[in-house]
């Protein structure tokens, strides 16, 4: 009797239609669990080593930005010094004024 019951269940249309779906869901969930555990293990390993990729990328970007800002500040400092020495172009205007050259000769 149990063999006939099992055989009738195996021949049933719902069982035939549902078995591939259940098998695919089971394989998919096991695969997802495996991938999740492997990713978590990798992150734990990186944390133990002190290497966190997202933070390292941000740190590299900030270092590049800091170097750019340092260069800009140095350029600004140079220009400001030139303006202080030049007195907003007064020195150049005085050198190009012919009347001032005449006064220097005397």
N, C-alpha and C. Protein backbone atom coordinates (compact mmCIF):
# COMPACT_ATOMS: atom_id res chain seq x y z
N UNK A 1 0.78 -1.20 0.00
CA UNK A 1 0.00 0.00 0.00
C UNK A 1 0.83 1.28 0.00
N UNK A 2 1.88 1.41 0.85
CA UNK A 2 2.63 2.66 0.84
C UNK A 2 3.29 2.93 -0.51
N UNK A 3 3.62 1.88 -1.25
CA UNK A 3 4.26 2.06 -2.55
C UNK A 3 3.25 2.66 -3.52
N UNK A 4 2.04 2.21 -3.45
CA UNK A 4 1.01 2.74 -4.33
C UNK A 4 0.70 4.20 -3.99
N UNK A 5 0.72 4.53 -2.70
CA UNK A 5 0.47 5.91 -2.28
C UNK A 5 1.59 6.82 -2.76
N UNK A 6 2.82 6.37 -2.61
CA UNK A 6 3.96 7.16 -3.08
C UNK A 6 3.91 7.33 -4.59
N UNK A 7 3.53 6.27 -5.28
CA UNK A 7 3.45 6.32 -6.73
C UNK A 7 2.34 7.27 -7.18
N UNK A 8 1.27 7.28 -6.49
CA UNK A 8 0.17 8.18 -6.86
C UNK A 8 0.55 9.64 -6.59
N UNK A 9 1.31 9.87 -5.52
CA UNK A 9 1.77 11.23 -5.23
C UNK A 9 2.75 11.69 -6.30
N UNK A 10 3.67 10.83 -6.70
CA UNK A 10 4.67 11.18 -7.71
C UNK A 10 4.04 11.44 -9.07
N UNK A 11 2.93 10.81 -9.36
CA UNK A 11 2.26 11.01 -10.64
C UNK A 11 1.29 12.19 -10.61
N UNK A 12 1.07 12.78 -9.48
CA UNK A 12 0.12 13.89 -9.37
C UNK A 12 0.67 15.12 -10.09
N UNK A 13 -0.19 15.88 -10.77
CA UNK A 13 0.22 17.02 -11.59
C UNK A 13 0.79 18.16 -10.74
N UNK A 14 0.23 18.42 -9.59
CA UNK A 14 0.76 19.51 -8.73
C UNK A 14 2.17 19.19 -8.25
N UNK A 15 2.40 17.91 -7.95
CA UNK A 15 3.74 17.51 -7.51
C UNK A 15 4.73 17.67 -8.66
N UNK A 16 4.31 17.28 -9.85
CA UNK A 16 5.19 17.42 -11.01
C UNK A 16 5.47 18.88 -11.33
N UNK A 17 4.52 19.74 -11.13
CA UNK A 17 4.72 21.17 -11.42
C UNK A 17 5.48 21.87 -10.30
N UNK A 18 5.26 21.45 -9.07
CA UNK A 18 5.85 22.14 -7.92
C UNK A 18 7.26 21.72 -7.58
N UNK A 19 7.64 20.51 -7.92
CA UNK A 19 8.97 20.00 -7.56
C UNK A 19 10.10 20.84 -8.16
N UNK A 20 10.09 21.22 -9.43
CA UNK A 20 11.17 22.06 -9.95
C UNK A 20 11.24 23.43 -9.28
N UNK A 21 10.09 23.98 -8.96
CA UNK A 21 10.07 25.30 -8.28
C UNK A 21 10.66 25.19 -6.89
N UNK A 22 10.27 24.16 -6.16
CA UNK A 22 10.81 23.95 -4.81
C UNK A 22 12.31 23.68 -4.87
N UNK A 23 12.74 22.88 -5.83
CA UNK A 23 14.17 22.58 -5.96
C UNK A 23 14.96 23.84 -6.32
N UNK A 24 14.42 24.66 -7.23
CA UNK A 24 15.11 25.91 -7.60
C UNK A 24 15.18 26.86 -6.41
N UNK A 25 14.11 26.97 -5.64
CA UNK A 25 14.09 27.83 -4.46
C UNK A 25 15.10 27.34 -3.42
N UNK A 26 15.17 26.03 -3.24
CA UNK A 26 16.12 25.47 -2.28
C UNK A 26 17.56 25.73 -2.72
N UNK A 27 17.86 25.50 -3.98
CA UNK A 27 19.21 25.75 -4.48
C UNK A 27 19.55 27.23 -4.39
N UNK A 28 18.61 28.09 -4.76
CA UNK A 28 18.85 29.54 -4.69
C UNK A 28 19.10 30.03 -3.28
N UNK A 29 18.32 29.55 -2.32
CA UNK A 29 18.50 30.00 -0.94
C UNK A 29 19.81 29.50 -0.36
N UNK A 30 20.19 28.28 -0.69
CA UNK A 30 21.47 27.75 -0.21
C UNK A 30 22.63 28.54 -0.82
N UNK A 31 22.52 28.86 -2.10
CA UNK A 31 23.56 29.66 -2.76
C UNK A 31 23.65 31.04 -2.13
N UNK A 32 22.52 31.67 -1.88
CA UNK A 32 22.50 33.01 -1.25
C UNK A 32 23.15 32.95 0.13
N UNK A 33 22.82 31.94 0.92
CA UNK A 33 23.42 31.80 2.25
C UNK A 33 24.94 31.63 2.14
N UNK A 34 25.38 30.81 1.20
CA UNK A 34 26.81 30.58 1.02
C UNK A 34 27.53 31.88 0.66
N UNK A 35 26.98 32.63 -0.30
CA UNK A 35 27.59 33.89 -0.73
C UNK A 35 27.61 34.90 0.41
N UNK A 36 26.53 34.96 1.16
CA UNK A 36 26.45 35.90 2.29
C UNK A 36 27.49 35.56 3.36
N UNK A 37 27.62 34.30 3.67
CA UNK A 37 28.61 33.88 4.68
C UNK A 37 30.02 34.17 4.19
N UNK A 38 30.30 33.92 2.93
CA UNK A 38 31.64 34.20 2.39
C UNK A 38 31.94 35.70 2.42
N UNK A 39 30.96 36.53 2.08
CA UNK A 39 31.17 37.98 2.11
C UNK A 39 31.39 38.47 3.53
N UNK A 40 30.63 37.93 4.47
CA UNK A 40 30.80 38.31 5.87
C UNK A 40 32.17 37.88 6.38
N UNK A 41 32.60 36.71 5.99
CA UNK A 41 33.92 36.22 6.41
C UNK A 41 35.03 37.11 5.85
N UNK A 42 34.88 37.55 4.61
CA UNK A 42 35.87 38.43 4.00
C UNK A 42 35.92 39.77 4.74
N UNK A 43 34.75 40.33 5.07
CA UNK A 43 34.72 41.60 5.80
C UNK A 43 35.33 41.46 7.19
N UNK A 44 35.06 40.37 7.86
CA UNK A 44 35.64 40.14 9.18
C UNK A 44 37.16 40.04 9.07
N UNK A 45 37.64 39.36 8.04
CA UNK A 45 39.09 39.24 7.83
C UNK A 45 39.71 40.62 7.60
N UNK A 46 39.04 41.46 6.79
CA UNK A 46 39.56 42.81 6.53
C UNK A 46 39.52 43.66 7.79
N UNK A 47 38.49 43.49 8.59
CA UNK A 47 38.41 44.26 9.84
C UNK A 47 39.53 43.86 10.81
N UNK A 48 39.82 42.56 10.85
CA UNK A 48 40.90 42.10 11.73
C UNK A 48 42.25 42.66 11.29
N UNK A 49 42.44 42.79 9.96
CA UNK A 49 43.69 43.35 9.45
C UNK A 49 43.72 44.86 9.52
N UNK A 50 42.58 45.47 9.77
CA UNK A 50 42.52 46.92 9.83
C UNK A 50 42.36 47.58 8.48
N UNK A 51 41.95 46.82 7.50
CA UNK A 51 41.78 47.36 6.16
C UNK A 51 40.29 47.34 5.81
N UNK A 52 39.73 48.52 5.71
CA UNK A 52 38.33 48.63 5.32
C UNK A 52 38.31 49.37 3.99
N UNK A 53 37.93 48.71 2.91
CA UNK A 53 38.05 49.30 1.57
C UNK A 53 37.32 50.63 1.41
N UNK A 54 36.12 50.75 1.93
CA UNK A 54 35.36 51.99 1.74
C UNK A 54 36.06 53.15 2.43
N UNK A 55 36.56 52.93 3.63
CA UNK A 55 37.24 53.99 4.36
C UNK A 55 38.56 54.33 3.69
N UNK A 56 39.27 53.31 3.19
CA UNK A 56 40.54 53.56 2.51
C UNK A 56 40.33 54.40 1.25
N UNK A 57 39.28 54.11 0.50
CA UNK A 57 39.00 54.90 -0.71
C UNK A 57 38.70 56.35 -0.36
N UNK A 58 37.89 56.56 0.67
CA UNK A 58 37.59 57.92 1.10
C UNK A 58 38.86 58.63 1.58
N UNK A 59 39.71 57.91 2.28
CA UNK A 59 40.95 58.49 2.78
C UNK A 59 41.86 58.90 1.62
N UNK A 60 41.94 58.07 0.60
CA UNK A 60 42.76 58.40 -0.57
C UNK A 60 42.20 59.63 -1.28
N UNK A 61 40.86 59.70 -1.42
CA UNK A 61 40.23 60.86 -2.06
C UNK A 61 40.52 62.13 -1.25
N UNK A 62 40.42 62.02 0.07
CA UNK A 62 40.68 63.20 0.91
C UNK A 62 42.14 63.62 0.85
N UNK A 63 43.05 62.66 0.75
CA UNK A 63 44.46 63.01 0.64
C UNK A 63 44.73 63.74 -0.67
N UNK A 64 44.12 63.26 -1.76
CA UNK A 64 44.28 63.94 -3.06
C UNK A 64 43.70 65.35 -3.00
N UNK A 65 42.55 65.48 -2.37
CA UNK A 65 41.92 66.79 -2.24
C UNK A 65 42.78 67.72 -1.39
N UNK A 66 43.37 67.19 -0.34
CA UNK A 66 44.23 67.99 0.53
C UNK A 66 45.46 68.48 -0.24
N UNK A 67 46.04 67.60 -1.06
CA UNK A 67 47.20 68.01 -1.85
C UNK A 67 46.81 69.10 -2.85
N UNK A 68 45.64 68.97 -3.45
CA UNK A 68 45.16 70.00 -4.38
C UNK A 68 44.96 71.33 -3.65
N UNK A 69 44.38 71.26 -2.47
CA UNK A 69 44.13 72.48 -1.70
C UNK A 69 45.45 73.11 -1.26
N UNK A 70 46.41 72.28 -0.86
CA UNK A 70 47.72 72.81 -0.46
C UNK A 70 48.37 73.55 -1.63
N UNK A 71 48.29 72.99 -2.82
CA UNK A 71 48.85 73.65 -4.00
C UNK A 71 48.14 74.96 -4.29
N UNK A 72 46.82 74.97 -4.14
CA UNK A 72 46.05 76.20 -4.37
C UNK A 72 46.39 77.26 -3.33
N UNK A 73 46.57 76.85 -2.08
CA UNK A 73 46.92 77.80 -1.03
C UNK A 73 48.31 78.39 -1.28
N UNK A 74 49.24 77.56 -1.72
CA UNK A 74 50.59 78.06 -2.03
C UNK A 74 50.53 79.07 -3.18
N UNK A 75 49.76 78.77 -4.22
CA UNK A 75 49.60 79.70 -5.34
C UNK A 75 48.97 81.01 -4.87
N UNK A 76 47.96 80.89 -4.03
CA UNK A 76 47.30 82.08 -3.51
C UNK A 76 48.25 82.91 -2.65
N UNK A 77 49.06 82.23 -1.84
CA UNK A 77 50.04 82.92 -1.00
C UNK A 77 51.07 83.67 -1.87
N UNK A 78 51.51 83.02 -2.95
CA UNK A 78 52.47 83.65 -3.87
C UNK A 78 51.85 84.88 -4.52
N UNK A 79 50.62 84.76 -4.99
CA UNK A 79 49.95 85.90 -5.61
C UNK A 79 49.73 87.03 -4.62
N UNK A 80 49.35 86.68 -3.41
CA UNK A 80 49.13 87.70 -2.38
C UNK A 80 50.43 88.42 -2.05
N UNK A 81 51.52 87.67 -1.99
CA UNK A 81 52.82 88.30 -1.74
C UNK A 81 53.19 89.23 -2.88
N UNK A 82 52.95 88.79 -4.11
CA UNK A 82 53.23 89.65 -5.26
C UNK A 82 52.40 90.93 -5.21
N UNK A 83 51.16 90.82 -4.81
CA UNK A 83 50.30 92.00 -4.72
C UNK A 83 50.79 92.93 -3.61
N UNK A 84 51.21 92.37 -2.50
CA UNK A 84 51.72 93.21 -1.41
C UNK A 84 52.98 93.95 -1.84
N UNK A 85 53.86 93.26 -2.53
CA UNK A 85 55.11 93.88 -2.97
C UNK A 85 54.82 94.90 -4.06
N UNK A 86 53.89 94.57 -4.94
CA UNK A 86 53.61 95.41 -6.09
C UNK A 86 52.68 96.57 -5.75
N UNK A 87 52.06 96.56 -4.60
CA UNK A 87 51.12 97.61 -4.17
C UNK A 87 50.04 97.84 -5.21
N UNK A 88 49.38 96.75 -5.59
CA UNK A 88 48.26 96.77 -6.53
C UNK A 88 48.65 97.37 -7.87
N UNK A 89 49.85 97.15 -8.32
CA UNK A 89 50.26 97.62 -9.64
C UNK A 89 50.84 99.02 -9.64
N UNK A 90 50.97 99.67 -8.50
CA UNK A 90 51.48 101.03 -8.44
C UNK A 90 52.93 101.08 -8.93
N UNK A 91 53.71 100.09 -8.57
CA UNK A 91 55.10 100.06 -8.96
C UNK A 91 55.23 100.02 -10.49
N UNK A 92 54.40 99.19 -11.11
CA UNK A 92 54.45 99.10 -12.57
C UNK A 92 53.97 100.39 -13.21
N UNK A 93 52.95 101.02 -12.65
CA UNK A 93 52.45 102.27 -13.22
C UNK A 93 53.49 103.38 -13.09
N UNK A 94 54.20 103.38 -11.98
CA UNK A 94 55.21 104.41 -11.79
C UNK A 94 56.38 104.22 -12.74
N UNK A 95 56.75 102.98 -12.99
CA UNK A 95 57.86 102.72 -13.90
C UNK A 95 57.50 103.08 -15.34
N UNK A 96 56.24 102.96 -15.68
CA UNK A 96 55.85 103.24 -17.06
C UNK A 96 55.48 104.71 -17.27
N UNK A 97 55.43 105.51 -16.23
CA UNK A 97 55.09 106.93 -16.34
C UNK A 97 56.33 107.72 -16.76
N UNK A 98 56.30 108.39 -17.92
CA UNK A 98 57.49 109.12 -18.39
C UNK A 98 57.84 110.31 -17.50
N UNK A 99 56.88 110.89 -16.82
CA UNK A 99 57.16 112.04 -15.95
C UNK A 99 58.02 111.61 -14.77
N UNK A 100 57.77 110.41 -14.29
CA UNK A 100 58.57 109.92 -13.17
C UNK A 100 60.01 109.64 -13.59
N UNK A 101 60.20 109.22 -14.80
CA UNK A 101 61.56 108.98 -15.27
C UNK A 101 62.33 110.31 -15.38
N UNK A 102 61.64 111.35 -15.78
CA UNK A 102 62.26 112.66 -15.88
C UNK A 102 62.68 113.16 -14.51
N UNK A 103 61.89 112.91 -13.48
CA UNK A 103 62.22 113.37 -12.15
C UNK A 103 63.39 112.59 -11.56
N UNK A 104 63.53 111.32 -11.95
CA UNK A 104 64.63 110.53 -11.45
C UNK A 104 65.97 111.01 -11.98
N UNK A 105 65.99 111.61 -13.15
CA UNK A 105 67.24 112.06 -13.74
C UNK A 105 67.81 113.26 -13.02
N UNK A 106 66.97 114.06 -12.45
CA UNK A 106 67.44 115.28 -11.79
C UNK A 106 68.07 114.97 -10.51
